[in-house]
N, C-alpha and C. Protein backbone atom coordinates (compact mmCIF):
# COMPACT_ATOMS: atom_id res chain seq x y z
N MET A 1 -92.96 90.32 92.92
CA MET A 1 -93.62 90.41 91.63
C MET A 1 -94.26 89.06 91.32
N SER A 2 -95.51 89.09 90.88
CA SER A 2 -96.17 87.83 90.55
C SER A 2 -95.82 87.45 89.12
N LEU A 3 -95.81 86.16 88.88
CA LEU A 3 -95.52 85.68 87.54
C LEU A 3 -96.73 85.88 86.65
N PRO A 4 -96.52 86.09 85.37
CA PRO A 4 -97.63 86.32 84.44
C PRO A 4 -98.35 85.02 84.10
N ARG A 5 -99.50 85.17 83.46
CA ARG A 5 -100.16 84.00 82.88
C ARG A 5 -99.31 83.58 81.69
N VAL A 6 -99.08 82.28 81.57
CA VAL A 6 -98.19 81.77 80.54
C VAL A 6 -98.95 80.87 79.58
N GLY A 7 -98.78 81.16 78.30
CA GLY A 7 -99.35 80.32 77.26
C GLY A 7 -98.23 79.73 76.41
N LEU A 8 -98.44 78.56 75.90
CA LEU A 8 -97.51 77.92 74.97
C LEU A 8 -98.22 77.84 73.64
N ILE A 9 -97.51 78.09 72.57
CA ILE A 9 -98.11 78.04 71.25
C ILE A 9 -97.18 77.28 70.31
N TRP A 10 -97.75 76.29 69.60
CA TRP A 10 -96.97 75.52 68.64
C TRP A 10 -97.90 74.87 67.62
N ALA A 11 -97.29 74.40 66.55
CA ALA A 11 -97.99 73.57 65.56
C ALA A 11 -97.35 72.19 65.63
N GLU A 12 -98.19 71.17 65.52
CA GLU A 12 -97.66 69.80 65.56
C GLU A 12 -98.38 68.92 64.56
N ALA A 13 -97.63 67.95 64.05
CA ALA A 13 -98.22 66.92 63.21
C ALA A 13 -98.96 65.94 64.11
N ARG A 14 -99.78 65.08 63.52
CA ARG A 14 -100.51 64.07 64.30
C ARG A 14 -99.60 63.26 65.20
N ASN A 15 -98.39 62.97 64.73
CA ASN A 15 -97.46 62.15 65.49
C ASN A 15 -96.61 62.97 66.47
N GLY A 16 -96.95 64.25 66.66
CA GLY A 16 -96.28 65.07 67.67
C GLY A 16 -95.08 65.86 67.17
N THR A 17 -94.67 65.68 65.93
CA THR A 17 -93.53 66.41 65.40
C THR A 17 -93.80 67.91 65.40
N ILE A 18 -92.81 68.69 65.90
CA ILE A 18 -92.89 70.15 65.83
C ILE A 18 -91.72 70.75 65.06
N GLY A 19 -90.70 69.95 64.77
CA GLY A 19 -89.56 70.49 64.04
C GLY A 19 -88.68 69.40 63.48
N LYS A 20 -87.87 69.80 62.51
CA LYS A 20 -86.89 68.89 61.91
C LYS A 20 -85.68 69.71 61.48
N GLY A 21 -84.53 69.37 62.03
CA GLY A 21 -83.32 70.08 61.65
C GLY A 21 -83.35 71.56 61.98
N GLY A 22 -84.08 71.94 63.03
CA GLY A 22 -84.12 73.33 63.45
C GLY A 22 -85.12 74.20 62.73
N VAL A 23 -85.99 73.61 61.91
CA VAL A 23 -87.01 74.39 61.21
C VAL A 23 -88.34 73.65 61.24
N LEU A 24 -89.40 74.36 60.86
CA LEU A 24 -90.70 73.71 60.73
C LEU A 24 -90.68 72.83 59.48
N PRO A 25 -91.10 71.58 59.59
CA PRO A 25 -91.06 70.69 58.43
C PRO A 25 -92.30 70.79 57.53
N TRP A 26 -92.94 71.95 57.51
CA TRP A 26 -94.10 72.20 56.66
C TRP A 26 -94.17 73.69 56.39
N HIS A 27 -94.99 74.05 55.41
CA HIS A 27 -95.25 75.45 55.11
C HIS A 27 -96.75 75.65 55.22
N LEU A 28 -97.18 76.40 56.24
CA LEU A 28 -98.60 76.59 56.49
C LEU A 28 -98.85 78.05 56.87
N PRO A 29 -98.99 78.92 55.87
CA PRO A 29 -99.20 80.35 56.14
C PRO A 29 -100.38 80.63 57.07
N GLU A 30 -101.41 79.81 57.00
CA GLU A 30 -102.57 79.99 57.86
C GLU A 30 -102.18 79.86 59.34
N ASP A 31 -101.26 78.96 59.64
CA ASP A 31 -100.79 78.81 61.01
C ASP A 31 -99.96 80.01 61.43
N LEU A 32 -99.13 80.51 60.53
CA LEU A 32 -98.31 81.69 60.85
C LEU A 32 -99.20 82.90 61.14
N GLY A 33 -100.30 83.04 60.41
CA GLY A 33 -101.25 84.11 60.67
C GLY A 33 -101.91 83.96 62.03
N HIS A 34 -102.26 82.72 62.38
CA HIS A 34 -102.85 82.44 63.68
C HIS A 34 -101.86 82.76 64.79
N PHE A 35 -100.61 82.35 64.61
CA PHE A 35 -99.55 82.62 65.57
C PHE A 35 -99.43 84.13 65.81
N LYS A 36 -99.40 84.89 64.74
CA LYS A 36 -99.28 86.35 64.86
C LYS A 36 -100.48 86.93 65.59
N GLU A 37 -101.67 86.49 65.23
CA GLU A 37 -102.90 86.99 65.86
C GLU A 37 -102.88 86.74 67.37
N ILE A 38 -102.44 85.56 67.78
CA ILE A 38 -102.44 85.20 69.21
C ILE A 38 -101.35 85.95 69.97
N THR A 39 -100.16 86.08 69.41
CA THR A 39 -99.02 86.60 70.17
C THR A 39 -98.79 88.10 70.04
N LEU A 40 -99.35 88.74 69.02
CA LEU A 40 -99.09 90.16 68.78
C LEU A 40 -99.45 90.99 70.01
N GLY A 41 -98.52 91.85 70.43
CA GLY A 41 -98.75 92.71 71.58
C GLY A 41 -98.34 92.11 72.91
N SER A 42 -97.95 90.85 72.90
CA SER A 42 -97.52 90.17 74.13
C SER A 42 -96.05 89.81 74.02
N PRO A 43 -95.36 89.68 75.16
CA PRO A 43 -93.98 89.20 75.09
C PRO A 43 -93.94 87.74 74.65
N VAL A 44 -92.89 87.40 73.91
CA VAL A 44 -92.67 86.02 73.51
C VAL A 44 -91.32 85.56 74.07
N VAL A 45 -91.31 84.36 74.63
CA VAL A 45 -90.11 83.76 75.21
C VAL A 45 -89.75 82.55 74.37
N MET A 46 -88.46 82.45 74.03
CA MET A 46 -88.03 81.33 73.19
C MET A 46 -86.60 80.95 73.53
N GLY A 47 -86.26 79.72 73.20
CA GLY A 47 -84.89 79.28 73.32
C GLY A 47 -84.04 79.85 72.20
N ARG A 48 -82.74 79.79 72.40
CA ARG A 48 -81.79 80.33 71.41
C ARG A 48 -81.96 79.69 70.05
N ARG A 49 -82.13 78.37 70.01
CA ARG A 49 -82.25 77.71 68.70
C ARG A 49 -83.53 78.15 67.98
N THR A 50 -84.59 78.40 68.72
CA THR A 50 -85.81 78.91 68.09
C THR A 50 -85.54 80.29 67.51
N TRP A 51 -84.87 81.14 68.27
CA TRP A 51 -84.49 82.48 67.77
C TRP A 51 -83.71 82.35 66.47
N GLU A 52 -82.71 81.48 66.49
CA GLU A 52 -81.86 81.33 65.31
C GLU A 52 -82.60 80.73 64.12
N SER A 53 -83.69 80.01 64.39
CA SER A 53 -84.45 79.41 63.29
C SER A 53 -85.36 80.42 62.60
N LEU A 54 -85.60 81.56 63.24
CA LEU A 54 -86.44 82.59 62.62
C LEU A 54 -85.66 83.24 61.48
N PRO A 55 -86.29 83.42 60.33
CA PRO A 55 -85.60 84.14 59.26
C PRO A 55 -85.17 85.53 59.77
N GLU A 56 -83.97 85.95 59.38
CA GLU A 56 -83.43 87.23 59.88
C GLU A 56 -84.39 88.39 59.70
N ARG A 57 -85.12 88.40 58.60
CA ARG A 57 -86.03 89.54 58.36
C ARG A 57 -87.18 89.60 59.37
N PHE A 58 -87.41 88.51 60.13
CA PHE A 58 -88.47 88.48 61.13
C PHE A 58 -87.92 88.55 62.56
N ARG A 59 -86.60 88.77 62.69
CA ARG A 59 -86.00 88.89 64.02
C ARG A 59 -85.69 90.34 64.32
N PRO A 60 -86.14 90.84 65.43
CA PRO A 60 -87.08 90.23 66.36
C PRO A 60 -88.49 90.20 65.77
N LEU A 61 -89.33 89.33 66.32
CA LEU A 61 -90.71 89.30 65.86
C LEU A 61 -91.34 90.65 66.16
N PRO A 62 -91.86 91.34 65.15
CA PRO A 62 -92.39 92.69 65.36
C PRO A 62 -93.64 92.70 66.24
N GLY A 63 -93.79 93.79 66.99
CA GLY A 63 -94.99 93.98 67.80
C GLY A 63 -95.02 93.15 69.06
N ARG A 64 -93.88 92.56 69.41
CA ARG A 64 -93.79 91.72 70.60
C ARG A 64 -92.42 91.92 71.24
N ARG A 65 -92.37 91.93 72.56
CA ARG A 65 -91.07 91.92 73.22
C ARG A 65 -90.51 90.51 73.07
N ASN A 66 -89.33 90.38 72.51
CA ASN A 66 -88.69 89.08 72.28
C ASN A 66 -87.69 88.82 73.39
N ILE A 67 -87.81 87.68 74.04
CA ILE A 67 -86.90 87.29 75.11
C ILE A 67 -86.33 85.93 74.76
N VAL A 68 -85.01 85.85 74.70
CA VAL A 68 -84.32 84.63 74.28
C VAL A 68 -83.59 84.03 75.48
N ILE A 69 -83.78 82.73 75.67
CA ILE A 69 -83.11 82.00 76.75
C ILE A 69 -81.93 81.24 76.17
N THR A 70 -80.77 81.38 76.82
CA THR A 70 -79.59 80.64 76.38
C THR A 70 -78.66 80.39 77.55
N ARG A 71 -77.89 79.32 77.45
CA ARG A 71 -76.86 79.03 78.44
C ARG A 71 -75.53 79.66 78.02
N GLN A 72 -75.47 80.24 76.83
CA GLN A 72 -74.24 80.85 76.32
C GLN A 72 -74.11 82.27 76.87
N PRO A 73 -73.14 82.48 77.78
CA PRO A 73 -73.06 83.78 78.48
C PRO A 73 -72.80 84.97 77.57
N GLU A 74 -72.15 84.80 76.45
CA GLU A 74 -71.81 85.92 75.58
C GLU A 74 -72.81 86.10 74.43
N PHE A 75 -73.87 85.29 74.41
CA PHE A 75 -74.81 85.34 73.29
C PHE A 75 -75.54 86.68 73.26
N GLU A 76 -75.67 87.24 72.06
CA GLU A 76 -76.43 88.47 71.85
C GLU A 76 -77.46 88.23 70.75
N ALA A 77 -78.63 88.79 70.95
CA ALA A 77 -79.70 88.68 69.96
C ALA A 77 -80.21 90.09 69.70
N GLU A 78 -79.80 90.65 68.58
CA GLU A 78 -80.14 92.04 68.28
C GLU A 78 -81.65 92.24 68.27
N GLY A 79 -82.11 93.19 69.07
CA GLY A 79 -83.54 93.50 69.16
C GLY A 79 -84.29 92.68 70.18
N ALA A 80 -83.59 91.78 70.88
CA ALA A 80 -84.23 90.92 71.88
C ALA A 80 -83.49 91.05 73.21
N ASP A 81 -84.18 90.71 74.29
CA ASP A 81 -83.56 90.61 75.60
C ASP A 81 -83.08 89.18 75.76
N VAL A 82 -81.90 89.00 76.31
CA VAL A 82 -81.33 87.66 76.50
C VAL A 82 -81.28 87.36 77.98
N ARG A 83 -81.72 86.17 78.36
CA ARG A 83 -81.71 85.72 79.75
C ARG A 83 -81.10 84.33 79.79
N ASN A 84 -80.58 83.95 80.97
CA ASN A 84 -79.91 82.65 81.09
C ASN A 84 -80.79 81.57 81.70
N SER A 85 -82.05 81.89 81.99
CA SER A 85 -82.95 80.86 82.52
C SER A 85 -84.39 81.20 82.17
N LEU A 86 -85.21 80.19 82.19
CA LEU A 86 -86.63 80.38 81.94
C LEU A 86 -87.23 81.26 83.03
N ALA A 87 -86.83 81.03 84.28
CA ALA A 87 -87.37 81.83 85.39
C ALA A 87 -87.06 83.31 85.20
N SER A 88 -85.83 83.65 84.84
CA SER A 88 -85.50 85.08 84.67
C SER A 88 -86.19 85.65 83.44
N ALA A 89 -86.40 84.84 82.41
CA ALA A 89 -87.13 85.30 81.23
C ALA A 89 -88.58 85.63 81.59
N LEU A 90 -89.21 84.78 82.40
CA LEU A 90 -90.60 85.02 82.80
C LEU A 90 -90.71 86.22 83.73
N GLU A 91 -89.72 86.39 84.61
CA GLU A 91 -89.72 87.58 85.48
C GLU A 91 -89.66 88.85 84.64
N LEU A 92 -88.80 88.87 83.63
CA LEU A 92 -88.71 90.03 82.75
C LEU A 92 -90.02 90.21 81.98
N ALA A 93 -90.57 89.14 81.46
CA ALA A 93 -91.82 89.22 80.70
C ALA A 93 -92.97 89.74 81.55
N ALA A 94 -92.96 89.44 82.84
CA ALA A 94 -94.03 89.87 83.74
C ALA A 94 -94.12 91.39 83.82
N THR A 95 -93.04 92.08 83.47
CA THR A 95 -93.06 93.55 83.52
C THR A 95 -93.69 94.15 82.28
N ASP A 96 -94.07 93.31 81.33
CA ASP A 96 -94.49 93.83 80.02
C ASP A 96 -95.52 92.92 79.36
N THR A 97 -96.49 92.39 80.12
CA THR A 97 -97.45 91.48 79.51
C THR A 97 -98.37 92.22 78.54
N GLY A 98 -98.92 91.46 77.64
CA GLY A 98 -99.80 92.03 76.63
C GLY A 98 -101.15 92.40 77.21
N THR A 99 -102.03 92.89 76.35
CA THR A 99 -103.35 93.33 76.79
C THR A 99 -104.15 92.17 77.38
N ASP A 100 -103.84 90.94 76.97
CA ASP A 100 -104.54 89.78 77.53
C ASP A 100 -103.83 89.25 78.78
N GLY A 101 -102.77 89.93 79.22
CA GLY A 101 -102.05 89.51 80.42
C GLY A 101 -101.21 88.27 80.23
N MET A 102 -100.97 87.88 78.99
CA MET A 102 -100.26 86.64 78.70
C MET A 102 -98.82 86.89 78.28
N VAL A 103 -98.01 85.90 78.56
CA VAL A 103 -96.67 85.78 78.00
C VAL A 103 -96.71 84.49 77.19
N TRP A 104 -96.18 84.52 75.98
CA TRP A 104 -96.24 83.35 75.11
C TRP A 104 -94.87 82.71 74.97
N VAL A 105 -94.80 81.44 75.31
CA VAL A 105 -93.59 80.64 75.09
C VAL A 105 -93.77 80.02 73.71
N ILE A 106 -92.79 80.26 72.82
CA ILE A 106 -92.95 79.86 71.43
C ILE A 106 -91.97 78.78 70.99
N GLY A 107 -91.21 78.22 71.92
CA GLY A 107 -90.34 77.11 71.56
C GLY A 107 -88.96 77.25 72.13
N GLY A 108 -88.24 76.24 71.95
CA GLY A 108 -88.53 74.98 71.31
C GLY A 108 -88.96 73.91 72.30
N ALA A 109 -88.75 72.68 71.86
CA ALA A 109 -89.24 71.52 72.61
C ALA A 109 -88.72 71.50 74.04
N GLU A 110 -87.45 71.83 74.24
CA GLU A 110 -86.87 71.81 75.59
C GLU A 110 -87.54 72.84 76.49
N VAL A 111 -87.79 74.03 75.97
CA VAL A 111 -88.44 75.08 76.75
C VAL A 111 -89.89 74.69 77.03
N PHE A 112 -90.59 74.16 76.02
CA PHE A 112 -91.96 73.71 76.24
C PHE A 112 -92.02 72.68 77.36
N SER A 113 -91.14 71.70 77.32
CA SER A 113 -91.15 70.64 78.33
C SER A 113 -90.90 71.18 79.73
N ALA A 114 -90.08 72.23 79.83
CA ALA A 114 -89.75 72.80 81.12
C ALA A 114 -90.91 73.54 81.77
N ILE A 115 -91.89 73.97 80.98
CA ILE A 115 -92.95 74.81 81.55
C ILE A 115 -94.37 74.29 81.33
N VAL A 116 -94.55 73.27 80.52
CA VAL A 116 -95.91 72.83 80.19
C VAL A 116 -96.73 72.46 81.43
N ASP A 117 -96.07 71.94 82.48
CA ASP A 117 -96.82 71.51 83.67
C ASP A 117 -97.29 72.67 84.54
N THR A 118 -96.81 73.88 84.29
CA THR A 118 -97.24 75.02 85.10
C THR A 118 -97.89 76.12 84.27
N ALA A 119 -97.99 75.93 82.96
CA ALA A 119 -98.59 76.93 82.08
C ALA A 119 -100.10 77.02 82.30
N ASP A 120 -100.69 78.09 81.78
CA ASP A 120 -102.12 78.33 81.93
C ASP A 120 -102.93 77.97 80.69
N ARG A 121 -102.27 78.02 79.52
CA ARG A 121 -103.01 77.84 78.26
C ARG A 121 -102.08 77.28 77.19
N LEU A 122 -102.65 76.49 76.31
CA LEU A 122 -101.94 75.97 75.14
C LEU A 122 -102.74 76.36 73.90
N GLU A 123 -102.04 76.82 72.89
CA GLU A 123 -102.64 77.08 71.57
C GLU A 123 -101.90 76.16 70.61
N VAL A 124 -102.61 75.13 70.12
CA VAL A 124 -101.97 74.11 69.31
C VAL A 124 -102.65 74.04 67.95
N THR A 125 -101.84 74.16 66.91
CA THR A 125 -102.32 73.90 65.56
C THR A 125 -101.98 72.45 65.27
N THR A 126 -102.99 71.64 65.03
CA THR A 126 -102.77 70.23 64.72
C THR A 126 -102.85 70.05 63.21
N ILE A 127 -101.81 69.46 62.65
CA ILE A 127 -101.74 69.19 61.22
C ILE A 127 -102.13 67.74 61.00
N ASN A 128 -103.08 67.51 60.12
CA ASN A 128 -103.63 66.18 59.89
C ASN A 128 -102.71 65.35 58.99
N ALA A 129 -101.52 65.07 59.50
CA ALA A 129 -100.53 64.26 58.78
C ALA A 129 -99.47 63.81 59.76
N ASP A 130 -98.87 62.67 59.50
CA ASP A 130 -97.69 62.25 60.25
C ASP A 130 -96.49 62.76 59.48
N ILE A 131 -95.62 63.49 60.18
CA ILE A 131 -94.48 64.12 59.52
C ILE A 131 -93.22 63.76 60.29
N ASP A 132 -92.20 63.36 59.56
CA ASP A 132 -90.92 62.99 60.16
C ASP A 132 -90.27 64.23 60.76
N GLY A 133 -89.66 64.06 61.94
CA GLY A 133 -88.97 65.18 62.56
C GLY A 133 -88.12 64.73 63.72
N ASP A 134 -87.40 65.68 64.32
CA ASP A 134 -86.53 65.35 65.44
C ASP A 134 -86.86 66.15 66.70
N ALA A 135 -87.90 66.97 66.64
CA ALA A 135 -88.37 67.70 67.82
C ALA A 135 -89.84 67.40 67.99
N VAL A 136 -90.22 67.09 69.22
CA VAL A 136 -91.60 66.69 69.48
C VAL A 136 -92.26 67.59 70.53
N ALA A 137 -93.56 67.75 70.38
CA ALA A 137 -94.35 68.55 71.31
C ALA A 137 -94.43 67.85 72.66
N PRO A 138 -94.62 68.61 73.73
CA PRO A 138 -94.84 67.97 75.02
C PRO A 138 -96.19 67.26 75.02
N ALA A 139 -96.32 66.27 75.88
CA ALA A 139 -97.58 65.55 75.99
C ALA A 139 -98.66 66.47 76.57
N ILE A 140 -99.85 66.37 76.01
CA ILE A 140 -100.98 67.10 76.55
C ILE A 140 -101.72 66.11 77.46
N THR A 141 -101.54 66.28 78.76
CA THR A 141 -102.03 65.33 79.76
C THR A 141 -103.44 65.68 80.22
N GLU A 142 -103.92 64.92 81.18
CA GLU A 142 -105.26 65.15 81.74
C GLU A 142 -105.34 66.48 82.48
N ARG A 143 -104.23 67.14 82.70
CA ARG A 143 -104.22 68.47 83.33
C ARG A 143 -104.92 69.49 82.44
N TRP A 144 -105.04 69.20 81.16
CA TRP A 144 -105.58 70.13 80.18
C TRP A 144 -106.96 69.70 79.71
N HIS A 145 -107.80 70.67 79.40
CA HIS A 145 -109.08 70.37 78.76
C HIS A 145 -109.23 71.26 77.54
N VAL A 146 -109.93 70.75 76.54
CA VAL A 146 -110.15 71.51 75.31
C VAL A 146 -111.16 72.62 75.63
N ALA A 147 -110.73 73.86 75.39
CA ALA A 147 -111.60 75.01 75.63
C ALA A 147 -112.23 75.52 74.34
N ALA A 148 -111.55 75.28 73.21
CA ALA A 148 -112.08 75.72 71.92
C ALA A 148 -111.39 74.95 70.80
N GLU A 149 -112.15 74.67 69.74
CA GLU A 149 -111.62 74.03 68.54
C GLU A 149 -112.13 74.80 67.33
N ASP A 150 -111.26 74.96 66.35
CA ASP A 150 -111.67 75.64 65.12
C ASP A 150 -111.04 74.89 63.95
N PRO A 151 -111.85 74.19 63.16
CA PRO A 151 -113.27 73.92 63.36
C PRO A 151 -113.47 72.75 64.35
N VAL A 152 -114.69 72.63 64.82
CA VAL A 152 -115.02 71.54 65.74
C VAL A 152 -115.24 70.27 64.92
N ASP A 153 -114.56 69.20 65.29
CA ASP A 153 -114.73 67.89 64.65
C ASP A 153 -114.56 67.90 63.13
N ALA A 154 -113.69 68.74 62.62
CA ALA A 154 -113.42 68.80 61.18
C ALA A 154 -112.03 69.40 60.98
N TRP A 155 -111.70 69.71 59.74
CA TRP A 155 -110.39 70.29 59.41
C TRP A 155 -110.55 71.46 58.48
N HIS A 156 -109.71 72.47 58.65
CA HIS A 156 -109.54 73.50 57.62
C HIS A 156 -108.65 72.87 56.55
N THR A 157 -108.76 73.34 55.32
CA THR A 157 -107.84 72.92 54.27
C THR A 157 -107.09 74.14 53.78
N ALA A 158 -105.77 74.10 53.93
CA ALA A 158 -104.91 75.21 53.50
C ALA A 158 -104.86 75.27 51.98
N ALA A 159 -104.38 76.39 51.48
CA ALA A 159 -104.24 76.57 50.04
C ALA A 159 -103.38 75.48 49.41
N ASN A 160 -102.41 74.94 50.17
CA ASN A 160 -101.54 73.88 49.64
C ASN A 160 -102.11 72.47 49.88
N GLY A 161 -103.36 72.39 50.39
CA GLY A 161 -104.00 71.11 50.60
C GLY A 161 -103.81 70.51 51.98
N THR A 162 -102.98 71.10 52.82
CA THR A 162 -102.75 70.59 54.17
C THR A 162 -103.98 70.81 55.03
N GLU A 163 -104.38 69.76 55.73
CA GLU A 163 -105.51 69.87 56.66
C GLU A 163 -104.98 70.19 58.05
N TYR A 164 -105.66 71.11 58.73
CA TYR A 164 -105.23 71.55 60.05
C TYR A 164 -106.42 72.04 60.86
N ARG A 165 -106.23 72.14 62.17
CA ARG A 165 -107.23 72.73 63.05
C ARG A 165 -106.51 73.43 64.20
N PHE A 166 -107.17 74.44 64.76
CA PHE A 166 -106.65 75.15 65.92
C PHE A 166 -107.37 74.63 67.16
N VAL A 167 -106.60 74.30 68.19
CA VAL A 167 -107.18 73.81 69.44
C VAL A 167 -106.60 74.61 70.60
N ARG A 168 -107.48 75.15 71.42
CA ARG A 168 -107.06 75.86 72.64
C ARG A 168 -107.33 74.95 73.83
N TYR A 169 -106.31 74.77 74.64
CA TYR A 169 -106.42 74.00 75.87
C TYR A 169 -106.24 74.96 77.05
N GLU A 170 -106.99 74.73 78.11
CA GLU A 170 -106.80 75.49 79.35
C GLU A 170 -106.54 74.51 80.47
N SER A 171 -105.79 74.97 81.46
CA SER A 171 -105.48 74.09 82.59
C SER A 171 -106.71 73.87 83.44
N ARG A 172 -106.80 72.69 84.01
CA ARG A 172 -107.96 72.38 84.88
C ARG A 172 -107.77 72.99 86.23
């Protein structure tokens, strides 16, 4: 079985922060809408702590096969498939890719770091602020090139005043 095309999706502050204390350190509904638009219909792979950080009413994420990675052998995630490694999670996801042929890795930092060097695409929401946190995004190296920006060379302004932009990176 061949492995699926893998995309990573996250939001980060200018200083690379993606989380604080197990949650997003901002409220940006526009980013959540973008996340849903990109991932809907495709399997999503996440670490256990990311699963646990989702509000219960959103677990499992609707319209997507949810696959949770954990080292805890007895862990159960109602409505999701549980795997003990990233490799086995991707093998399972390959049986059920979305219409775009993608599997989306949605966090957290440890899972992102484990796969960023072999992924095919990154969808990054950049927040125009430095925000304190304890989880950081993986480095976007020269392996990646910007394939699309929305908006180009500017920022959207959210209803709460937060400036942000969506950037798609593809592997070279």
